[in-house]
Amino acid sequence: MANEYETFLRDTSRVLSGRECVLTLRDLTPGRSKYRGINVRAVVSRPPLVGEATLWIRSVVGLKDPEPCSVRIVEELPETFDGLPYSDYFSALERAEG
């Protein structure tokens, strides 16, 4: 498992609620797997918890939140979600949570 990830979010309150949520994480570990994307069911914590991977949150336009979080991956999900081509990515993530 990686030590550091980033994700792009429209609404941070959904993931900082302390409950499991569905996210697409991008691996920031140097090497061959850098920038590899994975879909997961995870719990995000702020402030970061010791022993968990660091998570950086970015807005949908790429602005980085200066305060890190930690992420505990509960389950890896399939590479694709059900959805219509060119539909809203964030809506597909919300449906996957349900």
PDB file of N, CA and C in Angstrom:
ATOM      1  N   MET A   1       0.828  -1.186   0.000  1.00  0.00           N
ATOM      2  CA  MET A   1       0.000   0.000   0.000  1.00  0.00           C
ATOM      3  C   MET A   1       0.873   1.251   0.000  1.00  0.00           C
ATOM      4  N   ALA A   2       0.356   2.275  -0.600  1.00  0.00           N
ATOM      5  CA  ALA A   2       1.083   3.536  -0.699  1.00  0.00           C
ATOM      6  C   ALA A   2       1.055   4.293   0.628  1.00  0.00           C
ATOM      7  N   ASN A   3       1.976   5.216   0.773  1.00  0.00           N
ATOM      8  CA  ASN A   3       2.028   6.056   1.971  1.00  0.00           C
ATOM      9  C   ASN A   3       1.291   7.369   1.776  1.00  0.00           C
ATOM     10  N   GLU A   4       1.055   7.746   0.503  1.00  0.00           N
ATOM     11  CA  GLU A   4       0.501   9.060   0.220  1.00  0.00           C
ATOM     12  C   GLU A   4      -0.399   8.997  -1.013  1.00  0.00           C
ATOM     13  N   TYR A   5      -1.582   9.600  -0.881  1.00  0.00           N
ATOM     14  CA  TYR A   5      -2.558   9.634  -1.967  1.00  0.00           C
ATOM     15  C   TYR A   5      -3.079  11.056  -2.120  1.00  0.00           C
ATOM     16  N   GLU A   6      -3.753  11.287  -3.243  1.00  0.00           N
ATOM     17  CA  GLU A   6      -4.536  12.505  -3.403  1.00  0.00           C
ATOM     18  C   GLU A   6      -5.853  12.141  -4.048  1.00  0.00           C
ATOM     19  N   THR A   7      -6.849  12.998  -3.834  1.00  0.00           N
ATOM     20  CA  THR A   7      -8.153  12.803  -4.437  1.00  0.00           C
ATOM     21  C   THR A   7      -8.712  14.159  -4.817  1.00  0.00           C
ATOM     22  N   PHE A   8      -9.623  14.172  -5.750  1.00  0.00           N
ATOM     23  CA  PHE A   8     -10.272  15.392  -6.206  1.00  0.00           C
ATOM     24  C   PHE A   8     -11.724  15.335  -5.739  1.00  0.00           C
ATOM     25  N   LEU A   9     -12.160  16.375  -5.006  1.00  0.00           N
ATOM     26  CA  LEU A   9     -13.498  16.384  -4.431  1.00  0.00           C
ATOM     27  C   LEU A   9     -14.237  17.660  -4.751  1.00  0.00           C
ATOM     28  N   ARG A  10     -15.540  17.518  -4.902  1.00  0.00           N
ATOM     29  CA  ARG A  10     -16.412  18.669  -5.077  1.00  0.00           C
ATOM     30  C   ARG A  10     -16.842  19.199  -3.709  1.00  0.00           C
ATOM     31  N   ASP A  11     -17.107  18.276  -2.756  1.00  0.00           N
ATOM     32  CA  ASP A  11     -17.617  18.652  -1.443  1.00  0.00           C
ATOM     33  C   ASP A  11     -16.859  17.868  -0.375  1.00  0.00           C
ATOM     34  N   THR A  12     -15.996  18.524   0.381  1.00  0.00           N
ATOM     35  CA  THR A  12     -15.183  17.831   1.383  1.00  0.00           C
ATOM     36  C   THR A  12     -15.996  17.359   2.581  1.00  0.00           C
ATOM     37  N   SER A  13     -17.123  17.984   2.866  1.00  0.00           N
ATOM     38  CA  SER A  13     -17.906  17.597   4.046  1.00  0.00           C
ATOM     39  C   SER A  13     -18.397  16.153   3.943  1.00  0.00           C
ATOM     40  N   ARG A  14     -18.609  15.656   2.737  1.00  0.00           N
ATOM     41  CA  ARG A  14     -19.081  14.284   2.547  1.00  0.00           C
ATOM     42  C   ARG A  14     -18.035  13.274   3.002  1.00  0.00           C
ATOM     43  N   VAL A  15     -16.768  13.547   2.781  1.00  0.00           N
ATOM     44  CA  VAL A  15     -15.731  12.583   3.142  1.00  0.00           C
ATOM     45  C   VAL A  15     -15.165  12.811   4.539  1.00  0.00           C
ATOM     46  N   LEU A  16     -15.314  14.009   5.070  1.00  0.00           N
ATOM     47  CA  LEU A  16     -14.790  14.292   6.405  1.00  0.00           C
ATOM     48  C   LEU A  16     -15.819  14.031   7.496  1.00  0.00           C
ATOM     49  N   SER A  17     -16.857  13.280   7.180  1.00  0.00           N
ATOM     50  CA  SER A  17     -17.911  12.981   8.143  1.00  0.00           C
ATOM     51  C   SER A  17     -17.545  11.857   9.102  1.00  0.00           C
ATOM     52  N   GLY A  18     -16.443  11.155   8.844  1.00  0.00           N
ATOM     53  CA  GLY A  18     -16.051  10.038   9.692  1.00  0.00           C
ATOM     54  C   GLY A  18     -16.669   8.712   9.290  1.00  0.00           C
ATOM     55  N   ARG A  19     -17.500   8.731   8.236  1.00  0.00           N
ATOM     56  CA  ARG A  19     -18.139   7.505   7.745  1.00  0.00           C
ATOM     57  C   ARG A  19     -17.410   7.017   6.509  1.00  0.00           C
ATOM     58  N   GLU A  20     -17.676   5.765   6.146  1.00  0.00           N
ATOM     59  CA  GLU A  20     -17.101   5.216   4.916  1.00  0.00           C
ATOM     60  C   GLU A  20     -17.653   5.980   3.723  1.00  0.00           C
ATOM     61  N   CYS A  21     -16.805   6.182   2.733  1.00  0.00           N
ATOM     62  CA  CYS A  21     -17.211   6.845   1.501  1.00  0.00           C
ATOM     63  C   CYS A  21     -16.450   6.210   0.346  1.00  0.00           C
ATOM     64  N   VAL A  22     -16.935   6.446  -0.853  1.00  0.00           N
ATOM     65  CA  VAL A  22     -16.284   5.936  -2.060  1.00  0.00           C
ATOM     66  C   VAL A  22     -15.447   7.064  -2.661  1.00  0.00           C
ATOM     67  N   LEU A  23     -14.187   6.765  -2.934  1.00  0.00           N
ATOM     68  CA  LEU A  23     -13.250   7.744  -3.472  1.00  0.00           C
ATOM     69  C   LEU A  23     -12.430   7.128  -4.589  1.00  0.00           C
ATOM     70  N   THR A  24     -11.933   7.972  -5.458  1.00  0.00           N
ATOM     71  CA  THR A  24     -10.886   7.579  -6.393  1.00  0.00           C
ATOM     72  C   THR A  24      -9.609   8.223  -5.888  1.00  0.00           C
ATOM     73  N   LEU A  25      -8.641   7.385  -5.567  1.00  0.00           N
ATOM     74  CA  LEU A  25      -7.371   7.859  -5.033  1.00  0.00           C
ATOM     75  C   LEU A  25      -6.292   7.768  -6.090  1.00  0.00           C
ATOM     76  N   ARG A  26      -5.378   8.724  -6.075  1.00  0.00           N
ATOM     77  CA  ARG A  26      -4.223   8.688  -6.956  1.00  0.00           C
ATOM     78  C   ARG A  26      -2.989   8.485  -6.088  1.00  0.00           C
ATOM     79  N   ASP A  27      -2.247   7.424  -6.383  1.00  0.00           N
ATOM     80  CA  ASP A  27      -1.051   7.046  -5.640  1.00  0.00           C
ATOM     81  C   ASP A  27       0.059   8.059  -5.913  1.00  0.00           C
ATOM     82  N   LEU A  28       0.664   8.594  -4.857  1.00  0.00           N
ATOM     83  CA  LEU A  28       1.751   9.568  -5.013  1.00  0.00           C
ATOM     84  C   LEU A  28       3.113   8.984  -4.653  1.00  0.00           C
ATOM     85  N   THR A  29       3.181   7.678  -4.446  1.00  0.00           N
ATOM     86  CA  THR A  29       4.445   7.027  -4.102  1.00  0.00           C
ATOM     87  C   THR A  29       5.367   7.031  -5.320  1.00  0.00           C
ATOM     88  N   PRO A  30       6.611   7.490  -5.168  1.00  0.00           N
ATOM     89  CA  PRO A  30       7.534   7.478  -6.307  1.00  0.00           C
ATOM     90  C   PRO A  30       7.727   6.069  -6.853  1.00  0.00           C
ATOM     91  N   GLY A  31       7.945   5.991  -8.153  1.00  0.00           N
ATOM     92  CA  GLY A  31       8.195   4.699  -8.778  1.00  0.00           C
ATOM     93  C   GLY A  31       7.190   4.403  -9.877  1.00  0.00           C
ATOM     94  N   ARG A  32       7.143   3.142 -10.263  1.00  0.00           N
ATOM     95  CA  ARG A  32       6.312   2.722 -11.398  1.00  0.00           C
ATOM     96  C   ARG A  32       4.818   2.931 -11.173  1.00  0.00           C
ATOM     97  N   SER A  33       4.357   2.870  -9.932  1.00  0.00           N
ATOM     98  CA  SER A  33       2.920   2.982  -9.693  1.00  0.00           C
ATOM     99  C   SER A  33       2.473   4.420  -9.415  1.00  0.00           C
ATOM    100  N   LYS A  34       3.394   5.384  -9.486  1.00  0.00           N
ATOM    101  CA  LYS A  34       3.030   6.769  -9.211  1.00  0.00           C
ATOM    102  C   LYS A  34       1.928   7.212 -10.170  1.00  0.00           C
ATOM    103  N   TYR A  35       0.928   7.857  -9.604  1.00  0.00           N
ATOM    104  CA  TYR A  35      -0.258   8.372 -10.301  1.00  0.00           C
ATOM    105  C   TYR A  35      -1.246   7.279 -10.712  1.00  0.00           C
ATOM    106  N   ARG A  36      -1.017   6.053 -10.259  1.00  0.00           N
ATOM    107  CA  ARG A  36      -1.987   4.990 -10.516  1.00  0.00           C
ATOM    108  C   ARG A  36      -3.261   5.324  -9.746  1.00  0.00           C
ATOM    109  N   GLY A  37      -4.394   5.180 -10.386  1.00  0.00           N
ATOM    110  CA  GLY A  37      -5.669   5.472  -9.747  1.00  0.00           C
ATOM    111  C   GLY A  37      -6.364   4.208  -9.273  1.00  0.00           C
ATOM    112  N   ILE A  38      -6.957   4.272  -8.092  1.00  0.00           N
ATOM    113  CA  ILE A  38      -7.754   3.157  -7.589  1.00  0.00           C
ATOM    114  C   ILE A  38      -9.050   3.692  -6.999  1.00  0.00           C
ATOM    115  N   ASN A  39     -10.114   2.937  -7.188  1.00  0.00           N
ATOM    116  CA  ASN A  39     -11.398   3.244  -6.576  1.00  0.00           C
ATOM    117  C   ASN A  39     -11.493   2.446  -5.289  1.00  0.00           C
ATOM    118  N   VAL A  40     -11.887   3.120  -4.204  1.00  0.00           N
ATOM    119  CA  VAL A  40     -11.905   2.471  -2.896  1.00  0.00           C
ATOM    120  C   VAL A  40     -13.118   2.901  -2.081  1.00  0.00           C
ATOM    121  N   ARG A  41     -13.425   2.090  -1.109  1.00  0.00           N
ATOM    122  CA  ARG A  41     -14.320   2.472  -0.015  1.00  0.00           C
ATOM    123  C   ARG A  41     -13.364   2.739   1.141  1.00  0.00           C
ATOM    124  N   ALA A  42     -13.428   3.944   1.739  1.00  0.00           N
ATOM    125  CA  ALA A  42     -12.424   4.340   2.722  1.00  0.00           C
ATOM    126  C   ALA A  42     -13.017   5.250   3.787  1.00  0.00           C
ATOM    127  N   VAL A  43     -12.251   5.420   4.865  1.00  0.00           N
ATOM    128  CA  VAL A  43     -12.597   6.364   5.928  1.00  0.00           C
ATOM    129  C   VAL A  43     -11.486   7.406   5.967  1.00  0.00           C
ATOM    130  N   VAL A  44     -11.879   8.678   5.909  1.00  0.00           N
ATOM    131  CA  VAL A  44     -10.935   9.791   5.910  1.00  0.00           C
ATOM    132  C   VAL A  44     -10.978  10.463   7.275  1.00  0.00           C
ATOM    133  N   SER A  45      -9.815  10.808   7.807  1.00  0.00           N
ATOM    134  CA  SER A  45      -9.731  11.454   9.121  1.00  0.00           C
ATOM    135  C   SER A  45      -8.946  12.747   9.037  1.00  0.00           C
ATOM    136  N   ARG A  46      -9.466  13.751   9.705  1.00  0.00           N
ATOM    137  CA  ARG A  46      -8.738  15.004   9.867  1.00  0.00           C
ATOM    138  C   ARG A  46      -8.914  15.433  11.299  1.00  0.00           C
ATOM    139  N   PRO A  47      -7.871  15.602  12.077  1.00  0.00           N
ATOM    140  CA  PRO A  47      -6.461  15.558  11.720  1.00  0.00           C
ATOM    141  C   PRO A  47      -6.024  14.139  11.384  1.00  0.00           C
ATOM    142  N   PRO A  48      -4.895  13.995  10.683  1.00  0.00           N
ATOM    143  CA  PRO A  48      -4.427  12.674  10.284  1.00  0.00           C
ATOM    144  C   PRO A  48      -4.161  11.770  11.489  1.00  0.00           C
ATOM    145  N   LEU A  49      -4.483  10.498  11.333  1.00  0.00           N
ATOM    146  CA  LEU A  49      -4.213   9.507  12.368  1.00  0.00           C
ATOM    147  C   LEU A  49      -2.870   8.844  12.116  1.00  0.00           C
ATOM    148  N   VAL A  50      -2.153   8.572  13.167  1.00  0.00           N
ATOM    149  CA  VAL A  50      -0.847   7.922  13.076  1.00  0.00           C
ATOM    150  C   VAL A  50      -1.033   6.514  12.527  1.00  0.00           C
ATOM    151  N   GLY A  51      -0.173   6.108  11.604  1.00  0.00           N
ATOM    152  CA  GLY A  51      -0.220   4.763  11.048  1.00  0.00           C
ATOM    153  C   GLY A  51      -1.079   4.628   9.802  1.00  0.00           C
ATOM    154  N   GLU A  52      -1.779   5.673   9.423  1.00  0.00           N
ATOM    155  CA  GLU A  52      -2.587   5.645   8.201  1.00  0.00           C
ATOM    156  C   GLU A  52      -1.900   6.458   7.112  1.00  0.00           C
ATOM    157  N   ALA A  53      -2.234   6.147   5.869  1.00  0.00           N
ATOM    158  CA  ALA A  53      -1.658   6.856   4.728  1.00  0.00           C
ATOM    159  C   ALA A  53      -2.126   8.313   4.705  1.00  0.00           C
ATOM    160  N   THR A  54      -1.271   9.192   4.228  1.00  0.00           N
ATOM    161  CA  THR A  54      -1.595  10.610   4.091  1.00  0.00           C
ATOM    162  C   THR A  54      -2.478  10.800   2.862  1.00  0.00           C
ATOM    163  N   LEU A  55      -3.478  11.656   2.996  1.00  0.00           N
ATOM    164  CA  LEU A  55      -4.368  11.985   1.884  1.00  0.00           C
ATOM    165  C   LEU A  55      -4.389  13.492   1.697  1.00  0.00           C
ATOM    166  N   TRP A  56      -4.104  13.925   0.474  1.00  0.00           N
ATOM    167  CA  TRP A  56      -4.207  15.335   0.099  1.00  0.00           C
ATOM    168  C   TRP A  56      -5.478  15.505  -0.708  1.00  0.00           C
ATOM    169  N   ILE A  57      -6.271  16.489  -0.343  1.00  0.00           N
ATOM    170  CA  ILE A  57      -7.523  16.757  -1.043  1.00  0.00           C
ATOM    171  C   ILE A  57      -7.318  17.934  -1.977  1.00  0.00           C
ATOM    172  N   ARG A  58      -7.803  17.776  -3.203  1.00  0.00           N
ATOM    173  CA  ARG A  58      -7.773  18.851  -4.201  1.00  0.00           C
ATOM    174  C   ARG A  58      -9.201  19.153  -4.636  1.00  0.00           C
ATOM    175  N   SER A  59      -9.439  20.393  -5.008  1.00  0.00           N
ATOM    176  CA  SER A  59     -10.750  20.771  -5.551  1.00  0.00           C
ATOM    177  C   SER A  59     -10.869  20.219  -6.967  1.00  0.00           C
ATOM    178  N   VAL A  60     -12.036  20.353  -7.554  1.00  0.00           N
ATOM    179  CA  VAL A  60     -12.226  19.836  -8.908  1.00  0.00           C
ATOM    180  C   VAL A  60     -11.370  20.567  -9.934  1.00  0.00           C
ATOM    181  N   VAL A  61     -10.892  21.760  -9.603  1.00  0.00           N
ATOM    182  CA  VAL A  61     -10.000  22.476 -10.519  1.00  0.00           C
ATOM    183  C   VAL A  61      -8.532  22.333 -10.116  1.00  0.00           C
ATOM    184  N   GLY A  62      -8.260  21.506  -9.091  1.00  0.00           N
ATOM    185  CA  GLY A  62      -6.892  21.169  -8.748  1.00  0.00           C
ATOM    186  C   GLY A  62      -6.251  21.944  -7.619  1.00  0.00           C
ATOM    187  N   LEU A  63      -6.993  22.821  -6.943  1.00  0.00           N
ATOM    188  CA  LEU A  63      -6.409  23.569  -5.834  1.00  0.00           C
ATOM    189  C   LEU A  63      -6.217  22.633  -4.635  1.00  0.00           C
ATOM    190  N   LYS A  64      -5.003  22.611  -4.112  1.00  0.00           N
ATOM    191  CA  LYS A  64      -4.652  21.694  -3.030  1.00  0.00           C
ATOM    192  C   LYS A  64      -4.995  22.291  -1.672  1.00  0.00           C
ATOM    193  N   ASP A  65      -5.727  21.531  -0.870  1.00  0.00           N
ATOM    194  CA  ASP A  65      -6.021  21.915   0.508  1.00  0.00           C
ATOM    195  C   ASP A  65      -4.703  21.829   1.286  1.00  0.00           C
ATOM    196  N   PRO A  66      -4.294  22.883   1.983  1.00  0.00           N
ATOM    197  CA  PRO A  66      -2.999  22.856   2.665  1.00  0.00           C
ATOM    198  C   PRO A  66      -2.954  21.927   3.879  1.00  0.00           C
ATOM    199  N   GLU A  67      -4.102  21.523   4.389  1.00  0.00           N
ATOM    200  CA  GLU A  67      -4.149  20.673   5.571  1.00  0.00           C
ATOM    201  C   GLU A  67      -4.334  19.208   5.162  1.00  0.00           C
ATOM    202  N   PRO A  68      -3.394  18.323   5.504  1.00  0.00           N
ATOM    203  CA  PRO A  68      -3.518  16.914   5.109  1.00  0.00           C
ATOM    204  C   PRO A  68      -4.554  16.169   5.936  1.00  0.00           C
ATOM    205  N   CYS A  69      -4.969  15.034   5.417  1.00  0.00           N
ATOM    206  CA  CYS A  69      -5.862  14.104   6.105  1.00  0.00           C
ATOM    207  C   CYS A  69      -5.156  12.758   6.137  1.00  0.00           C
ATOM    208  N   SER A  70      -5.797  11.776   6.729  1.00  0.00           N
ATOM    209  CA  SER A  70      -5.315  10.409   6.601  1.00  0.00           C
ATOM    210  C   SER A  70      -6.455   9.581   6.035  1.00  0.00           C
ATOM    211  N   VAL A  71      -6.100   8.470   5.404  1.00  0.00           N
ATOM    212  CA  VAL A  71      -7.107   7.619   4.781  1.00  0.00           C
ATOM    213  C   VAL A  71      -6.849   6.171   5.161  1.00  0.00           C
ATOM    214  N   ARG A  72      -7.932   5.477   5.534  1.00  0.00           N
ATOM    215  CA  ARG A  72      -7.871   4.038   5.809  1.00  0.00           C
ATOM    216  C   ARG A  72      -8.738   3.352   4.769  1.00  0.00           C
ATOM    217  N   ILE A  73      -8.117   2.558   3.913  1.00  0.00           N
ATOM    218  CA  ILE A  73      -8.837   1.876   2.840  1.00  0.00           C
ATOM    219  C   ILE A  73      -9.514   0.639   3.421  1.00  0.00           C
ATOM    220  N   VAL A  74     -10.826   0.588   3.265  1.00  0.00           N
ATOM    221  CA  VAL A  74     -11.624  -0.522   3.768  1.00  0.00           C
ATOM    222  C   VAL A  74     -11.740  -1.609   2.709  1.00  0.00           C
ATOM    223  N   GLU A  75     -11.911  -1.176   1.442  1.00  0.00           N
ATOM    224  CA  GLU A  75     -12.126  -2.133   0.356  1.00  0.00           C
ATOM    225  C   GLU A  75     -11.715  -1.496  -0.967  1.00  0.00           C
ATOM    226  N   GLU A  76     -11.027  -2.264  -1.808  1.00  0.00           N
ATOM    227  CA  GLU A  76     -10.750  -1.797  -3.169  1.00  0.00           C
ATOM    228  C   GLU A  76     -11.942  -2.164  -4.041  1.00  0.00           C
ATOM    229  N   LEU A  77     -12.371  -1.243  -4.865  1.00  0.00           N
ATOM    230  CA  LEU A  77     -13.537  -1.430  -5.735  1.00  0.00           C
ATOM    231  C   LEU A  77     -13.079  -1.664  -7.169  1.00  0.00           C
ATOM    232  N   PRO A  78     -14.004  -2.095  -8.048  1.00  0.00           N
ATOM    233  CA  PRO A  78     -13.637  -2.310  -9.454  1.00  0.00           C
ATOM    234  C   PRO A  78     -13.111  -1.032 -10.112  1.00  0.00           C
ATOM    235  N   GLU A  79     -12.417  -1.209 -11.218  1.00  0.00           N
ATOM    236  CA  GLU A  79     -11.832  -0.072 -11.924  1.00  0.00           C
ATOM    237  C   GLU A  79     -12.871   0.845 -12.553  1.00  0.00           C
ATOM    238  N   THR A  80     -14.064   0.331 -12.835  1.00  0.00           N
ATOM    239  CA  THR A  80     -15.092   1.140 -13.483  1.00  0.00           C
ATOM    240  C   THR A  80     -16.373   1.135 -12.663  1.00  0.00           C
ATOM    241  N   PHE A  81     -17.168   2.200 -12.837  1.00  0.00           N
ATOM    242  CA  PHE A  81     -18.482   2.315 -12.214  1.00  0.00           C
ATOM    243  C   PHE A  81     -19.531   2.346 -13.317  1.00  0.00           C
ATOM    244  N   ASP A  82     -20.743   1.918 -12.988  1.00  0.00           N
ATOM    245  CA  ASP A  82     -21.842   2.015 -13.945  1.00  0.00           C
ATOM    246  C   ASP A  82     -22.202   3.485 -14.136  1.00  0.00           C
ATOM    247  N   GLY A  83     -22.364   3.876 -15.364  1.00  0.00           N
ATOM    248  CA  GLY A  83     -22.732   5.249 -15.665  1.00  0.00           C
ATOM    249  C   GLY A  83     -22.783   5.462 -17.160  1.00  0.00           C
ATOM    250  N   LEU A  84     -23.405   6.538 -17.558  1.00  0.00           N
ATOM    251  CA  LEU A  84     -23.479   6.892 -18.967  1.00  0.00           C
ATOM    252  C   LEU A  84     -22.200   7.601 -19.381  1.00  0.00           C
ATOM    253  N   PRO A  85     -21.747   7.373 -20.606  1.00  0.00           N
ATOM    254  CA  PRO A  85     -20.557   8.100 -21.065  1.00  0.00           C
ATOM    255  C   PRO A  85     -20.778   9.607 -20.976  1.00  0.00           C
ATOM    256  N   TYR A  86     -19.747  10.309 -20.551  1.00  0.00           N
ATOM    257  CA  TYR A  86     -19.742  11.763 -20.422  1.00  0.00           C
ATOM    258  C   TYR A  86     -20.729  12.272 -19.375  1.00  0.00           C
ATOM    259  N   SER A  87     -21.168  11.393 -18.472  1.00  0.00           N
ATOM    260  CA  SER A  87     -22.035  11.848 -17.388  1.00  0.00           C
ATOM    261  C   SER A  87     -21.170  12.330 -16.230  1.00  0.00           C
ATOM    262  N   ASP A  88     -21.798  12.792 -15.184  1.00  0.00           N
ATOM    263  CA  ASP A  88     -21.071  13.370 -14.060  1.00  0.00           C
ATOM    264  C   ASP A  88     -20.363  12.298 -13.246  1.00  0.00           C
ATOM    265  N   TYR A  89     -19.059  12.394 -13.159  1.00  0.00           N
ATOM    266  CA  TYR A  89     -18.218  11.457 -12.419  1.00  0.00           C
ATOM    267  C   TYR A  89     -18.588  11.422 -10.938  1.00  0.00           C
ATOM    268  N   PHE A  90     -18.834  12.588 -10.347  1.00  0.00           N
ATOM    269  CA  PHE A  90     -19.122  12.650  -8.919  1.00  0.00           C
ATOM    270  C   PHE A  90     -20.478  12.017  -8.596  1.00  0.00           C
ATOM    271  N   SER A  91     -21.422  12.084  -9.500  1.00  0.00           N
ATOM    272  CA  SER A  91     -22.709  11.408  -9.299  1.00  0.00           C
ATOM    273  C   SER A  91     -22.508   9.894  -9.308  1.00  0.00           C
ATOM    274  N   ALA A  92     -21.634   9.402 -10.166  1.00  0.00           N
ATOM    275  CA  ALA A  92     -21.349   7.960 -10.213  1.00  0.00           C
ATOM    276  C   ALA A  92     -20.721   7.503  -8.901  1.00  0.00           C
ATOM    277  N   LEU A  93     -19.833   8.306  -8.316  1.00  0.00           N
ATOM    278  CA  LEU A  93     -19.246   7.955  -7.026  1.00  0.00           C
ATOM    279  C   LEU A  93     -20.309   7.887  -5.927  1.00  0.00           C
ATOM    280  N   GLU A  94     -21.235   8.856  -5.920  1.00  0.00           N
ATOM    281  CA  GLU A  94     -22.305   8.858  -4.918  1.00  0.00           C
ATOM    282  C   GLU A  94     -23.206   7.642  -5.070  1.00  0.00           C
ATOM    283  N   ARG A  95     -23.509   7.225  -6.296  1.00  0.00           N
ATOM    284  CA  ARG A  95     -24.327   6.028  -6.510  1.00  0.00           C
ATOM    285  C   ARG A  95     -23.603   4.788  -6.018  1.00  0.00           C
ATOM    286  N   ALA A  96     -22.290   4.737  -6.166  1.00  0.00           N
ATOM    287  CA  ALA A  96     -21.507   3.593  -5.708  1.00  0.00           C
ATOM    288  C   ALA A  96     -21.525   3.470  -4.191  1.00  0.00           C
ATOM    289  N   GLU A  97     -21.704   4.587  -3.479  1.00  0.00           N
ATOM    290  CA  GLU A  97     -21.780   4.548  -2.024  1.00  0.00           C
ATOM    291  C   GLU A  97     -23.074   3.904  -1.541  1.00  0.00           C
ATOM    292  N   GLY A  98     -24.132   4.131  -2.306  1.00  0.00           N
ATOM    293  CA  GLY A  98     -25.477   3.753  -1.887  1.00  0.00           C
ATOM    294  C   GLY A  98     -25.762   2.325  -1.798  1.00  0.00           C
TER     295      GLY A  98
END
